[in-house]
Structure formats: structure tokens, C-alpha cells
């Protein structure tokens, strides 16, 4: 009688190999093992489409593709970065002798196995069986994740890790990822550090850095990443996280260079190209940004990895360069995307930005002004996020560059800036969005300084023995500006000095209401709408990918 791990009759497999002979051998062997159905692809682009829209139980993928810039490993990384490969899928890399070392190293980055060519059917069978045994052994953990019971799944992983049970190392990685997902950064850091002590692995060291970064210890995270990259310069995920750390430290030139390195290591990665193009745009290199954003669009428009903010920034660059046909292509591309996802509100909103840019290009300024006024009315709403702020500010700068100004425009610019200037990194992103009209960029920086002064004065009040006045000061300005930094600082002061504040309860209710509506989540941005933190495992749950916490930077 067949064991559960041997019964493949209800399973589906995908074979990816450009060589027709080796592809047919793999297909035949899988069918001989009793695989229910087998799909085959000769190109990575075709395989990506299959994996984006279908679920497979087994994937066999060749590492090397002679006529393509990317490899099977690049495909795997991109799928996992964008939560398009569930835990339940067994992914086995097929490789020749020349690339064996590379693939063997990749096995520790959650690859289920590798197969060295030429191989025998029994060797493939062994790899499949071992991978399926691991999946079955950790089935309770995967079931909890599929049900979105992340805390229970994390607890199961911790128990497996502490008991050094079967597949404890893999369970540790999943558990640490779940702890990060649920905001338990210190516990995740402890687990990653324990793995480093037990068996030094790059992904565990990267996990330590991610935990430090998520808990606000940015300088320590950067130091950890520098050591990791010096030990393994080809570890592309480390560059993603390093770029994020450098960005949050305000080192934008270094961040841009780091993202460029990550993109060079994986030239076919849609996510990394998006991040590089967006960062180039906000850094002010619009010509380079246009090239990268255009390449990203041509490579990834039909992919689930593509983020439509890429098209918005590409449209801005084409307006600035006077490329009428290029801007029209952006409109046409948006029409295609909306046709496929007509109920996507974000896509509709971003398409509206491109329509306004088209109006500006066609000198239909009255129409553009009306549209921008309509958008500006939502600036105080809880759902108005950083992406909306940067796009709207960029639109107003484009109008000003054409010598068309709204009477109330400076009030709009100040309202946007005072709400979203929560740290130097985001303030400079906003200033970068308005760079074509330097007056607005300077108003953004002035707003950043104003928020800084309000915060510093509040901190001096609490340090001087009057925390109640500090909280009231922050609440007053928090209500006026909706700035998350002021709101969060009010919460921290109140939490620390509760016993010394007479009306702590009523103040606490006011702070809670503001935090709920205008907390840090709306004041953070993800370039390329990152689905997974670099270096982490996919936490795909249920029928759709579970969203990772948004980050303040690409990576």
C-alpha cells in the first residue's frame, strides 16, 4: 500500500526546462511515479505566468537557461518575494555540475531540494519523497498558516525548534517569520540568533538584521548587514534590506547604489527593477528612472509582481520629457490593467493621476485644476496615504511648472507636508516628488522642521517634569496636522508617565482615537508594494496571499 508521501495521483506538477530532451525525461519520470497531471514550459516567462495563476504541488525547474538573462533561482526568488508560491508546493531545482555549488547554497534559502544532472529516476523519486515527508511532518504548522492562525503556527514552530524535532531548522525559519508578521520582533530576533549559534546560515543572520530594523534599531541592523554582505557579496536579499536600512538612515545615495547592486545581481527581477526605478525617480535622476521604469513595464506589465505606481512615475517622466506618445502608452497600459481588475480602487485612483498628467500635456489646464481640487478635498481623510500625498504633490508641482497655480495651492502643500513629514526619509521623498518646482520642495522641508520643533518642545516638557502638558501639546498639534509622529510621540509620553498625569484616562482615549484613524500605517510607503520582506519566507495563507506589513522603503 502506498504511503501518503508516495501517492501523487491527485497532484499537479510543472516542469520548466528549455532543453526538450531533458524536459521530456522529467515529464515521463513524473508520470511513471503516478503524478496526476504534468504541465511543461520551455521559457521562464511562461513558467512565471503559470505559477502566478495556478497552484502546483510539485515544480521541477532547471537552473540554467542558455538564452535568458535570468535563472531558475531568480524565478524562485521572485515568486517567493511576491508570495506566489505556497508552503505546500515542493520546488526542486535541476542543475548541471557547473552550477551545483550555487544551487546547493540556495537549498538553505527554503529550496526543497536539488537534482544533479544526469540523474536516475530513483534519485528524483527520493528527492520528491523527502520533500513531501517534510511537508507532511510540518502539516499542522502549514494548516494554521492557511487558516491565518499565525500566533498558533508560531507557537508550533517554537515547540519544534526548542525540542530539536524533525525539520526543526526549517520550522525555526517559518516561526521567526511568523513572529515578525505578528510584531514580536524581539522574539523573532532571539530565534534567528539561536539558529545562527546552532548552524551559521545567511538567512538567519539576515533575519537578525530584519528584526533589528523592524524594532527601530536601524544602525545595528546596518552593521549586521555590512558584515553579512562582506561574507557573502552575492546574497541579493541582503542588499534589499541594506537599502531599506540606508534609506531610513537618510543615506539616499548609498541606498540607491545598494538597490542598483541588487538589480544587477538579478536582472530579471521585476520587484527589484521597480524599486530601483522608483528610487532613481525620487533621487532626481529622471532620465535613468524613465529607462528603468520603462524596462520594468515591458518586462512585468502582465505579471502579478507588477505594481501600477511604476506606470504613474513613468508617466511623470514622460510628461517632463515631452514624450506625448509615451504618456499615451501609459494610459493604454492602465486601461489594460483596469480591464483585468475593474474593481481595484487603488488602480482606478492611480489611473486618475495619469489622466490629469495627460490633461496637463494637452494644455487642458482647467480640467487638470478641477481634478486636483477634487483630490485635495480628501487630504484629511484616514484613507489618504503617503502614496496619494506624493502623487498629488507631484501633480501640483507639474502645474506650477507650467505657471498654473491654484489660489489655495500653498495650503494644500502645507497640509500634505505637515501630515506626512514624519521622518527625514519620507520628507525627502515628498520633496523629491515636488522637485520640478523647488518652491514646493522647500515648503516640504520647512514643514519637516516645524514637526521636529513641535516634537522637541513636547519632549522638553516631559523631561522638565510636566508630561501632561507634553501630551496636550502633542494632541493639539496632532489633531491639527494628523501627523503620525506627533500622535505616536503623544502615546509614548502618556504610556511612560501615566502615573504622573492626572487625566491620563481621558487623554488616553483621545490618543487612542487619533492612533486608530491616523497612525503610522498610513504614513508609510512601500515602493513596488512589496509583498514579502527580503530574506523572508512566503507566508501565503488561504486562497490569496497574505499582505506583509508595509515598509517605508523598497526592500
Protein backbone atom coordinates (compact mmCIF):
# COMPACT_ATOMS: atom_id res chain seq x y z
CA UNK A 1 0.00 0.00 0.00
CA UNK A 2 1.36 3.43 -0.96
CA UNK A 3 2.32 5.78 1.85
CA UNK A 4 0.79 9.31 1.84
CA UNK A 5 4.07 10.83 0.68
CA UNK A 6 4.19 8.38 -2.25
CA UNK A 7 0.64 8.92 -3.54
CA UNK A 8 0.84 11.51 -6.33
CA UNK A 9 -2.38 10.62 -8.15
CA UNK A 10 -4.18 13.82 -7.12
CA UNK A 11 -1.13 16.06 -7.54
CA UNK A 12 -0.18 18.53 -10.27
CA UNK A 13 3.38 19.19 -11.42
CA UNK A 14 5.11 21.84 -13.52
CA UNK A 15 8.36 21.08 -15.38
CA UNK A 16 10.45 24.07 -16.50
CA UNK A 17 13.36 23.30 -18.81
CA UNK A 18 14.46 24.86 -22.11
CA UNK A 19 16.02 21.60 -23.31
CA UNK A 20 13.26 19.47 -24.92
CA UNK A 21 15.07 16.19 -24.27
CA UNK A 22 15.68 16.67 -20.55
CA UNK A 23 12.21 18.20 -20.19
CA UNK A 24 10.56 15.14 -21.73
CA UNK A 25 12.62 12.84 -19.46
CA UNK A 26 11.44 14.69 -16.34
CA UNK A 27 7.83 14.63 -17.56
CA UNK A 28 7.99 10.90 -18.28
CA UNK A 29 9.53 10.12 -14.89
CA UNK A 30 6.86 12.11 -13.05
CA UNK A 31 4.13 10.29 -14.94
CA UNK A 32 5.79 6.97 -14.10
CA UNK A 33 5.62 7.95 -10.41
CA UNK A 34 1.83 8.33 -10.82
CA UNK A 35 1.66 12.15 -10.97
CA UNK A 36 -1.93 13.17 -11.69
CA UNK A 37 -1.13 15.84 -14.29
CA UNK A 38 2.04 17.44 -15.64
CA UNK A 39 2.39 20.84 -17.33
CA UNK A 40 5.62 21.78 -19.09
CA UNK A 41 7.25 25.11 -20.03
CA UNK A 42 10.36 25.89 -22.06
CA UNK A 43 10.70 29.55 -21.01
CA UNK A 44 10.85 31.22 -17.61
CA UNK A 45 8.32 33.87 -18.64
CA UNK A 46 5.77 31.16 -19.49
CA UNK A 47 6.51 29.40 -16.22
CA UNK A 48 6.03 32.62 -14.25
CA UNK A 49 2.58 33.10 -15.78
CA UNK A 50 1.62 29.52 -14.96
CA UNK A 51 2.78 29.88 -11.33
CA UNK A 52 1.08 33.24 -10.88
CA UNK A 53 -2.33 31.95 -11.86
CA UNK A 54 -2.25 28.24 -10.90
CA UNK A 55 -1.19 26.20 -7.90
CA UNK A 56 1.13 23.21 -8.34
CA UNK A 57 2.05 20.54 -5.84
CA UNK A 58 5.48 19.96 -7.42
CA UNK A 59 7.73 22.20 -9.52
CA UNK A 60 10.89 20.89 -11.21
CA UNK A 61 12.93 23.77 -12.59
CA UNK A 62 16.22 23.82 -14.49
CA UNK A 63 18.71 26.28 -13.00
CA UNK A 64 20.40 27.41 -16.24
CA UNK A 65 18.58 28.85 -19.27
CA UNK A 66 21.06 29.48 -22.10
CA UNK A 67 19.18 32.22 -23.93
CA UNK A 68 17.76 34.06 -20.93
CA UNK A 69 19.25 36.67 -18.60
CA UNK A 70 17.75 35.06 -15.51
CA UNK A 71 17.99 31.62 -13.95
CA UNK A 72 15.64 29.19 -12.28
CA UNK A 73 16.86 30.50 -8.93
CA UNK A 74 15.87 34.04 -9.96
CA UNK A 75 12.39 32.77 -10.79
CA UNK A 76 12.12 31.05 -7.40
CA UNK A 77 13.31 34.17 -5.56
CA UNK A 78 10.86 36.42 -7.38
CA UNK A 79 7.93 34.08 -6.73
CA UNK A 80 8.75 33.87 -3.04
CA UNK A 81 9.36 37.61 -2.76
CA UNK A 82 5.86 38.20 -4.10
CA UNK A 83 4.01 35.45 -2.20
CA UNK A 84 3.17 33.44 -5.31
CA UNK A 85 4.48 30.09 -4.10
CA UNK A 86 2.63 28.45 -1.20
CA UNK A 87 4.39 26.44 1.51
CA UNK A 88 2.69 23.31 0.23
CA UNK A 89 4.45 23.44 -3.15
CA UNK A 90 7.56 21.28 -3.48
CA UNK A 91 10.15 23.19 -5.55
CA UNK A 92 13.17 21.18 -6.75
CA UNK A 93 15.97 22.78 -8.74
CA UNK A 94 17.60 20.71 -11.50
CA UNK A 95 21.24 21.59 -12.19
CA UNK A 96 24.36 20.51 -14.00
CA UNK A 97 27.77 20.02 -12.41
CA UNK A 98 28.88 23.59 -13.25
CA UNK A 99 26.15 25.24 -11.18
CA UNK A 100 25.90 22.63 -8.41
CA UNK A 101 27.62 24.77 -5.75
CA UNK A 102 25.29 27.70 -6.38
CA UNK A 103 22.19 25.58 -6.13
CA UNK A 104 23.45 23.73 -3.05
CA UNK A 105 23.86 27.10 -1.33
CA UNK A 106 20.35 28.06 -2.40
CA UNK A 107 18.96 24.96 -0.67
CA UNK A 108 19.24 26.79 2.65
CA UNK A 109 17.04 29.59 1.31
CA UNK A 110 13.98 27.34 1.57
CA UNK A 111 14.56 25.35 -1.61
CA UNK A 112 13.02 21.90 -1.14
CA UNK A 113 15.82 20.08 -2.90
CA UNK A 114 18.09 19.92 -5.91
CA UNK A 115 18.76 17.28 -8.52
CA UNK A 116 22.17 16.93 -10.16
CA UNK A 117 22.14 16.01 -13.89
CA UNK A 118 22.41 13.44 -15.30
CA UNK A 119 20.10 11.72 -12.80
CA UNK A 120 18.27 8.44 -12.41
CA UNK A 121 14.54 8.14 -11.84
CA UNK A 122 15.19 6.73 -8.37
CA UNK A 123 17.12 9.90 -7.42
CA UNK A 124 14.23 12.13 -8.47
CA UNK A 125 11.87 9.84 -6.57
CA UNK A 126 13.99 10.14 -3.42
CA UNK A 127 14.06 13.95 -3.64
CA UNK A 128 10.30 14.12 -4.08
CA UNK A 129 9.67 11.71 -1.23
CA UNK A 130 11.95 13.56 1.20
CA UNK A 131 10.40 16.92 0.33
CA UNK A 132 6.88 15.55 0.76
CA UNK A 133 7.82 13.97 4.09
CA UNK A 134 8.89 17.40 5.30
CA UNK A 135 5.65 18.97 4.11
CA UNK A 136 3.61 16.24 5.84
CA UNK A 137 5.71 16.48 9.02
CA UNK A 138 5.01 20.23 9.26
CA UNK A 139 1.41 19.92 8.11
CA UNK A 140 -0.09 21.25 11.35
CA UNK A 141 2.02 24.41 11.01
CA UNK A 142 1.05 24.90 7.36
CA UNK A 143 -2.64 24.29 8.18
CA UNK A 144 -2.53 27.00 10.85
CA UNK A 145 -0.93 29.42 8.37
CA UNK A 146 -3.54 28.61 5.71
CA UNK A 147 -6.22 29.46 8.32
CA UNK A 148 -4.46 32.76 9.18
CA UNK A 149 -3.80 31.48 12.71
CA UNK A 150 -0.31 32.99 12.74
CA UNK A 151 0.17 33.02 16.52
CA UNK A 152 -0.73 29.33 16.83
CA UNK A 153 1.55 28.48 13.89
CA UNK A 154 4.40 30.44 15.50
CA UNK A 155 3.90 28.57 18.79
CA UNK A 156 4.01 25.21 16.96
CA UNK A 157 7.23 26.29 15.24
CA UNK A 158 8.79 27.35 18.54
CA UNK A 159 7.96 23.98 20.10
CA UNK A 160 9.50 22.12 17.15
CA UNK A 161 12.58 24.34 17.30
CA UNK A 162 13.08 24.00 21.08
CA UNK A 163 12.65 20.22 21.01
CA UNK A 164 15.03 19.93 18.01
CA UNK A 165 12.35 17.76 16.41
CA UNK A 166 12.20 16.68 12.78
CA UNK A 167 12.96 19.61 10.45
CA UNK A 168 13.50 21.95 13.43
CA UNK A 169 15.72 24.29 11.40
CA UNK A 170 13.08 24.85 8.75
CA UNK A 171 10.44 25.26 11.48
CA UNK A 172 12.64 27.90 13.11
CA UNK A 173 12.74 29.89 9.91
CA UNK A 174 8.97 29.73 9.47
CA UNK A 175 8.41 30.53 13.15
CA UNK A 176 10.70 33.57 13.12
CA UNK A 177 8.93 34.85 10.01
CA UNK A 178 5.58 34.46 11.77
CA UNK A 179 6.87 36.28 14.85
CA UNK A 180 7.92 39.18 12.63
CA UNK A 181 4.49 39.09 10.99
CA UNK A 182 2.75 39.40 14.37
CA UNK A 183 5.03 42.22 15.53
CA UNK A 184 7.06 40.17 18.03
CA UNK A 185 10.41 41.48 16.83
CA UNK A 186 12.42 40.65 19.95
CA UNK A 187 11.23 37.00 19.96
CA UNK A 188 11.97 36.70 16.24
CA UNK A 189 15.45 38.09 16.82
CA UNK A 190 16.05 35.56 19.63
CA UNK A 191 15.03 32.67 17.37
CA UNK A 192 17.18 33.85 14.46
CA UNK A 193 20.17 34.29 16.78
CA UNK A 194 19.66 30.77 18.14
CA UNK A 195 19.78 29.40 14.59
CA UNK A 196 22.97 31.37 13.92
CA UNK A 197 24.55 29.78 17.02
CA UNK A 198 23.37 26.29 16.12
CA UNK A 199 24.29 26.48 12.46
CA UNK A 200 25.56 29.67 10.83
CA UNK A 201 23.26 30.34 7.88
CA UNK A 202 22.98 33.56 5.85
CA UNK A 203 19.18 33.66 6.07
CA UNK A 204 19.34 33.52 9.88
CA UNK A 205 21.81 36.42 10.02
CA UNK A 206 19.59 38.36 7.65
CA UNK A 207 16.65 37.56 9.93
CA UNK A 208 18.50 39.13 12.85
CA UNK A 209 19.02 42.29 10.78
CA UNK A 210 15.36 42.39 9.75
CA UNK A 211 14.25 42.02 13.38
CA UNK A 212 16.53 44.88 14.42
CA UNK A 213 15.26 47.05 11.58
CA UNK A 214 11.59 46.37 12.34
CA UNK A 215 12.13 47.22 16.01
CA UNK A 216 13.73 50.57 15.11
CA UNK A 217 17.37 49.63 15.73
CA UNK A 218 18.39 50.77 12.25
CA UNK A 219 22.09 51.46 12.90
CA UNK A 220 22.61 48.00 14.47
CA UNK A 221 20.75 46.40 11.55
CA UNK A 222 23.00 48.20 9.05
CA UNK A 223 26.10 46.99 10.89
CA UNK A 224 24.84 43.38 10.84
CA UNK A 225 24.09 43.67 7.13
CA UNK A 226 27.53 45.09 6.33
CA UNK A 227 29.12 42.03 7.94
CA UNK A 228 26.78 39.66 6.11
CA UNK A 229 27.43 41.24 2.71
CA UNK A 230 31.19 41.19 3.28
CA UNK A 231 30.92 37.43 3.98
CA UNK A 232 28.60 36.74 1.03
CA UNK A 233 28.62 39.52 -1.62
CA UNK A 234 26.21 37.56 -3.87
CA UNK A 235 23.41 37.32 -1.28
CA UNK A 236 20.91 39.58 -3.08
CA UNK A 237 18.28 39.61 -0.31
CA UNK A 238 20.83 41.23 2.00
CA UNK A 239 21.15 44.17 -0.41
CA UNK A 240 17.38 44.69 -0.33
CA UNK A 241 17.37 45.01 3.45
CA UNK A 242 20.56 47.08 3.47
CA UNK A 243 18.95 49.52 1.02
CA UNK A 244 15.99 49.84 3.33
CA UNK A 245 18.25 50.49 6.34
CA UNK A 246 20.28 53.10 4.44
CA UNK A 247 17.08 54.76 3.29
CA UNK A 248 15.73 55.00 6.84
CA UNK A 249 19.06 56.44 7.97
CA UNK A 250 18.72 59.14 5.31
CA UNK A 251 21.68 57.89 3.26
CA UNK A 252 19.90 58.10 -0.08
CA UNK A 253 22.93 57.92 -2.37
CA UNK A 254 24.09 54.76 -0.60
CA UNK A 255 20.58 53.28 -0.74
CA UNK A 256 20.37 53.93 -4.48
CA UNK A 257 23.75 52.24 -5.06
CA UNK A 258 22.65 49.26 -2.97
CA UNK A 259 19.39 48.84 -4.90
CA UNK A 260 21.36 49.05 -8.12
CA UNK A 261 23.61 46.23 -6.92
CA UNK A 262 20.57 44.08 -6.04
CA UNK A 263 19.08 44.68 -9.50
CA UNK A 264 22.40 43.81 -11.18
CA UNK A 265 22.59 40.54 -9.26
CA UNK A 266 19.10 39.59 -10.51
CA UNK A 267 18.50 41.50 -13.78
CA UNK A 268 15.14 39.86 -14.49
CA UNK A 269 13.61 40.57 -11.07
CA UNK A 270 10.55 42.74 -11.63
CA UNK A 271 10.35 43.71 -7.95
CA UNK A 272 13.96 44.90 -7.76
CA UNK A 273 13.74 46.80 -11.04
CA UNK A 274 10.64 48.55 -9.74
CA UNK A 275 12.38 49.53 -6.53
CA UNK A 276 15.44 50.80 -8.39
CA UNK A 277 13.34 52.78 -10.87
CA UNK A 278 11.25 54.38 -8.14
CA UNK A 279 14.27 55.22 -6.01
CA UNK A 280 16.02 56.74 -9.05
CA UNK A 281 12.94 58.87 -9.69
CA UNK A 282 12.75 60.23 -6.14
CA UNK A 283 16.52 60.76 -6.08
CA UNK A 284 16.07 63.16 -9.00
CA UNK A 285 17.64 61.16 -11.85
CA UNK A 286 14.55 61.24 -14.06
CA UNK A 287 16.31 60.14 -17.27
CA UNK A 288 17.69 56.98 -15.67
CA UNK A 289 14.39 56.43 -13.86
CA UNK A 290 12.48 56.55 -17.16
CA UNK A 291 14.72 53.87 -18.69
CA UNK A 292 14.37 51.54 -15.70
CA UNK A 293 10.63 52.12 -15.24
CA UNK A 294 10.03 51.54 -18.94
CA UNK A 295 12.02 48.30 -18.84
CA UNK A 296 10.08 47.19 -15.76
CA UNK A 297 6.78 47.87 -17.51
CA UNK A 298 7.77 45.97 -20.64
CA UNK A 299 9.03 43.06 -18.55
CA UNK A 300 6.30 42.85 -15.95
CA UNK A 301 3.05 44.54 -17.02
CA UNK A 302 1.20 41.22 -17.24
CA UNK A 303 2.74 39.89 -14.03
CA UNK A 304 1.18 39.90 -10.58
CA UNK A 305 4.55 41.21 -9.38
CA UNK A 306 4.00 44.47 -11.26
CA UNK A 307 2.91 47.48 -9.23
CA UNK A 308 0.97 50.18 -11.06
CA UNK A 309 2.71 53.04 -9.22
CA UNK A 310 5.53 52.20 -11.66
CA UNK A 311 3.29 53.38 -14.51
CA UNK A 312 2.41 56.59 -12.64
CA UNK A 313 6.06 57.58 -12.18
CA UNK A 314 6.82 56.59 -15.78
CA UNK A 315 4.01 58.91 -16.89
CA UNK A 316 5.50 61.77 -14.84
CA UNK A 317 8.90 61.29 -16.51
CA UNK A 318 7.29 61.26 -19.95
CA UNK A 319 5.40 64.48 -19.28
CA UNK A 320 8.65 66.13 -18.20
CA UNK A 321 10.49 64.87 -21.29
CA UNK A 322 7.65 65.89 -23.63
CA UNK A 323 7.04 62.31 -24.78
CA UNK A 324 3.39 62.54 -25.84
CA UNK A 325 3.26 59.04 -27.36
CA UNK A 326 4.97 57.55 -24.31
CA UNK A 327 2.41 59.13 -21.98
CA UNK A 328 -0.40 57.79 -24.14
CA UNK A 329 1.11 54.29 -23.82
CA UNK A 330 0.92 54.67 -20.03
CA UNK A 331 -2.79 55.49 -20.37
CA UNK A 332 -3.31 52.49 -22.65
CA UNK A 333 -1.44 50.22 -20.21
CA UNK A 334 -3.64 51.41 -17.36
CA UNK A 335 -6.74 50.66 -19.46
CA UNK A 336 -5.48 47.09 -19.91
CA UNK A 337 -4.83 46.68 -16.20
CA UNK A 338 -8.24 48.07 -15.22
CA UNK A 339 -9.96 45.83 -17.77
CA UNK A 340 -8.46 42.84 -15.93
CA UNK A 341 -9.21 44.25 -12.43
CA UNK A 342 -12.20 46.62 -12.78
CA UNK A 343 -12.90 46.71 -9.02
CA UNK A 344 -9.38 47.63 -7.95
CA UNK A 345 -9.85 51.04 -6.27
CA UNK A 346 -6.14 51.80 -5.98
CA UNK A 347 -5.63 51.12 -9.67
CA UNK A 348 -8.54 53.42 -10.53
CA UNK A 349 -7.07 56.16 -8.33
CA UNK A 350 -3.61 55.88 -9.88
CA UNK A 351 -5.09 55.83 -13.36
CA UNK A 352 -6.74 59.15 -12.48
CA UNK A 353 -3.29 60.63 -11.80
CA UNK A 354 -2.16 59.68 -15.31
CA UNK A 355 -5.33 61.19 -16.79
CA UNK A 356 -4.52 64.50 -15.10
CA UNK A 357 -0.97 64.34 -16.50
CA UNK A 358 -2.44 63.82 -19.95
CA UNK A 359 -4.67 66.89 -19.45
CA UNK A 360 -1.61 68.95 -18.49
CA UNK A 361 0.29 67.74 -21.55
CA UNK A 362 -2.65 68.70 -23.79
CA UNK A 363 -2.82 72.16 -22.10
CA UNK A 364 -6.29 71.38 -20.72
CA UNK A 365 -5.36 73.20 -17.52
CA UNK A 366 -8.88 73.98 -16.28
CA UNK A 367 -9.72 70.26 -16.38
CA UNK A 368 -6.48 69.41 -14.56
CA UNK A 369 -7.09 72.05 -11.87
CA UNK A 370 -10.62 70.74 -11.22
CA UNK A 371 -9.31 67.20 -10.85
CA UNK A 372 -6.55 68.24 -8.44
CA UNK A 373 -9.02 70.29 -6.34
CA UNK A 374 -11.25 67.23 -6.10
CA UNK A 375 -8.32 65.07 -4.96
CA UNK A 376 -7.22 67.71 -2.45
CA UNK A 377 -10.56 67.50 -0.61
CA UNK A 378 -9.59 64.05 0.66
CA UNK A 379 -6.28 65.09 2.25
CA UNK A 380 -7.70 64.92 5.79
CA UNK A 381 -9.40 61.54 5.37
CA UNK A 382 -7.95 58.49 7.20
CA UNK A 383 -7.62 56.57 3.93
CA UNK A 384 -5.42 59.23 2.32
CA UNK A 385 -1.96 57.64 2.39
CA UNK A 386 1.63 58.59 1.64
CA UNK A 387 1.41 57.38 -1.96
CA UNK A 388 -1.58 59.66 -2.56
CA UNK A 389 0.25 62.55 -0.92
CA UNK A 390 3.39 62.20 -3.04
CA UNK A 391 1.41 61.81 -6.29
CA UNK A 392 -0.82 64.79 -5.55
CA UNK A 393 2.14 66.95 -4.57
CA UNK A 394 3.89 65.97 -7.81
CA UNK A 395 0.80 66.96 -9.81
CA UNK A 396 0.66 70.38 -8.16
CA UNK A 397 4.36 70.85 -8.89
CA UNK A 398 3.76 70.00 -12.56
CA UNK A 399 1.02 72.64 -12.77
CA UNK A 400 3.23 75.23 -11.06
CA UNK A 401 5.99 74.39 -13.54
CA UNK A 402 3.54 75.38 -16.29
CA UNK A 403 2.87 78.67 -14.44
CA UNK A 404 -0.63 77.44 -13.47
CA UNK A 405 -1.31 77.82 -9.75
CA UNK A 406 -4.40 77.21 -7.65
CA UNK A 407 -5.23 80.09 -5.27
CA UNK A 408 -5.22 77.67 -2.34
CA UNK A 409 -2.25 75.57 -3.50
CA UNK A 410 0.17 76.58 -0.74
CA UNK A 411 -2.37 75.49 1.87
CA UNK A 412 -2.64 72.12 0.13
CA UNK A 413 1.14 71.71 0.01
CA UNK A 414 1.47 72.61 3.69
CA UNK A 415 -1.37 70.27 4.72
CA UNK A 416 0.23 67.35 2.85
CA UNK A 417 3.69 68.06 4.19
CA UNK A 418 2.63 68.59 7.81
CA UNK A 419 0.73 65.30 7.77
CA UNK A 420 3.33 63.11 6.12
CA UNK A 421 6.71 64.55 7.17
CA UNK A 422 7.23 62.01 9.94
CA UNK A 423 10.96 61.39 9.41
CA UNK A 424 13.78 62.63 7.20
CA UNK A 425 13.43 59.76 4.72
CA UNK A 426 9.74 60.33 3.95
CA UNK A 427 10.18 64.12 4.00
CA UNK A 428 12.89 63.85 1.35
CA UNK A 429 10.71 61.53 -0.72
CA UNK A 430 7.98 64.17 -0.67
CA UNK A 431 10.49 66.88 -1.55
CA UNK A 432 11.73 64.66 -4.39
CA UNK A 433 8.18 64.32 -5.71
CA UNK A 434 7.92 68.12 -5.89
CA UNK A 435 11.47 68.65 -7.20
CA UNK A 436 10.38 70.12 -10.55
CA UNK A 437 9.07 73.16 -8.61
CA UNK A 438 11.71 73.89 -5.92
CA UNK A 439 9.43 76.27 -4.00
CA UNK A 440 7.18 73.37 -3.03
CA UNK A 441 10.13 71.15 -2.17
CA UNK A 442 11.36 73.82 0.26
CA UNK A 443 7.89 74.12 1.83
CA UNK A 444 8.03 70.38 2.47
CA UNK A 445 11.39 70.70 4.21
CA UNK A 446 10.10 73.65 6.23
CA UNK A 447 7.14 71.52 7.37
CA UNK A 448 9.56 68.76 8.42
CA UNK A 449 11.45 71.26 10.57
CA UNK A 450 8.19 72.51 12.07
CA UNK A 451 7.17 68.98 13.11
CA UNK A 452 10.65 68.46 14.56
CA UNK A 453 10.35 71.62 16.69
CA UNK A 454 6.90 70.62 17.98
CA UNK A 455 8.25 67.20 18.97
CA UNK A 456 11.36 68.60 20.62
CA UNK A 457 9.33 71.10 22.66
CA UNK A 458 6.96 68.33 23.82
CA UNK A 459 9.89 66.13 24.86
CA UNK A 460 11.42 69.06 26.80
CA UNK A 461 8.12 69.49 28.68
CA UNK A 462 8.02 65.83 29.72
CA UNK A 463 11.71 65.81 30.66
CA UNK A 464 11.13 69.01 32.67
CA UNK A 465 8.52 67.31 34.83
CA UNK A 466 5.26 68.24 33.05
CA UNK A 467 4.27 65.20 30.93
CA UNK A 468 0.61 66.23 30.98
CA UNK A 469 1.40 69.50 29.18
CA UNK A 470 3.59 67.50 26.78
CA UNK A 471 0.75 65.14 25.84
CA UNK A 472 -1.73 68.02 25.46
CA UNK A 473 0.73 69.92 23.27
CA UNK A 474 1.22 66.87 21.04
CA UNK A 475 -2.52 66.16 20.91
CA UNK A 476 -3.30 69.73 19.89
CA UNK A 477 -0.81 69.68 17.02
CA UNK A 478 -1.60 66.04 16.21
CA UNK A 479 -5.26 66.95 15.69
CA UNK A 480 -4.28 69.97 13.59
CA UNK A 481 -1.77 68.20 11.34
CA UNK A 482 -2.74 64.48 11.61
CA UNK A 483 1.00 63.80 11.73
CA UNK A 484 1.66 60.24 12.89
CA UNK A 485 4.98 61.17 14.52
CA UNK A 486 3.23 63.62 16.85
CA UNK A 487 0.43 61.14 17.57
CA UNK A 488 2.84 58.28 18.31
CA UNK A 489 5.02 60.52 20.49
CA UNK A 490 1.92 61.51 22.49
CA UNK A 491 1.19 57.81 23.02
CA UNK A 492 4.77 57.09 24.15
CA UNK A 493 4.86 60.00 26.63
CA UNK A 494 1.45 59.04 28.02
CA UNK A 495 2.46 55.38 28.33
CA UNK A 496 5.68 56.25 30.13
CA UNK A 497 4.29 58.83 32.59
CA UNK A 498 0.73 57.52 33.16
CA UNK A 499 1.01 57.69 36.95
CA UNK A 500 2.14 61.34 36.86
CA UNK A 501 -0.73 62.53 34.59
CA UNK A 502 -3.94 63.49 36.38
CA UNK A 503 -6.35 63.00 33.46
CA UNK A 504 -4.43 60.13 31.86
CA UNK A 505 -7.63 58.20 31.10
CA UNK A 506 -9.34 60.92 29.04
CA UNK A 507 -6.08 61.83 27.32
CA UNK A 508 -5.53 58.15 26.58
CA UNK A 509 -8.93 57.89 24.87
CA UNK A 510 -8.12 60.92 22.70
CA UNK A 511 -4.71 59.49 21.76
CA UNK A 512 -6.22 56.07 21.00
CA UNK A 513 -8.84 57.60 18.70
CA UNK A 514 -6.17 59.50 16.76
CA UNK A 515 -3.86 56.49 16.56
CA UNK A 516 -6.67 54.30 15.25
CA UNK A 517 -7.54 56.73 12.45
CA UNK A 518 -4.20 58.33 11.62
CA UNK A 519 -1.50 56.01 13.00
CA UNK A 520 1.78 55.10 11.36
CA UNK A 521 0.32 52.68 8.79
CA UNK A 522 -0.96 55.49 6.53
CA UNK A 523 2.33 57.34 6.84
CA UNK A 524 4.48 54.57 5.46
CA UNK A 525 5.13 53.69 1.88
CA UNK A 526 6.20 50.59 0.01
CA UNK A 527 7.99 51.05 -3.29
CA UNK A 528 6.74 48.37 -5.59
CA UNK A 529 4.13 47.38 -3.00
CA UNK A 530 6.45 44.79 -1.57
CA UNK A 531 4.66 41.51 -0.79
CA UNK A 532 7.40 39.91 1.27
CA UNK A 533 10.28 41.25 3.28
CA UNK A 534 13.58 40.43 1.62
CA UNK A 535 15.12 37.35 3.14
CA UNK A 536 11.84 36.05 4.49
CA UNK A 537 9.79 33.06 3.57
CA UNK A 538 6.44 33.31 1.85
CA UNK A 539 3.55 33.43 4.29
CA UNK A 540 0.84 32.74 1.77
CA UNK A 541 -2.42 31.89 3.53
CA UNK A 542 -5.85 30.84 2.33
CA UNK A 543 -6.74 31.46 -1.28
CA UNK A 544 -4.93 34.77 -1.59
CA UNK A 545 -1.53 35.98 -0.49
CA UNK A 546 -1.48 37.47 2.97
CA UNK A 547 -0.14 41.00 2.88
CA UNK A 548 3.09 41.78 4.62
CA UNK A 549 3.40 44.88 6.71
CA UNK A 550 4.19 47.87 4.51
CA UNK A 551 7.68 49.21 4.74
CA UNK A 552 8.97 52.72 4.49
CA UNK A 553 11.21 51.94 1.61
CA UNK A 554 11.86 49.48 -1.15
CA UNK A 555 13.24 46.20 0.01
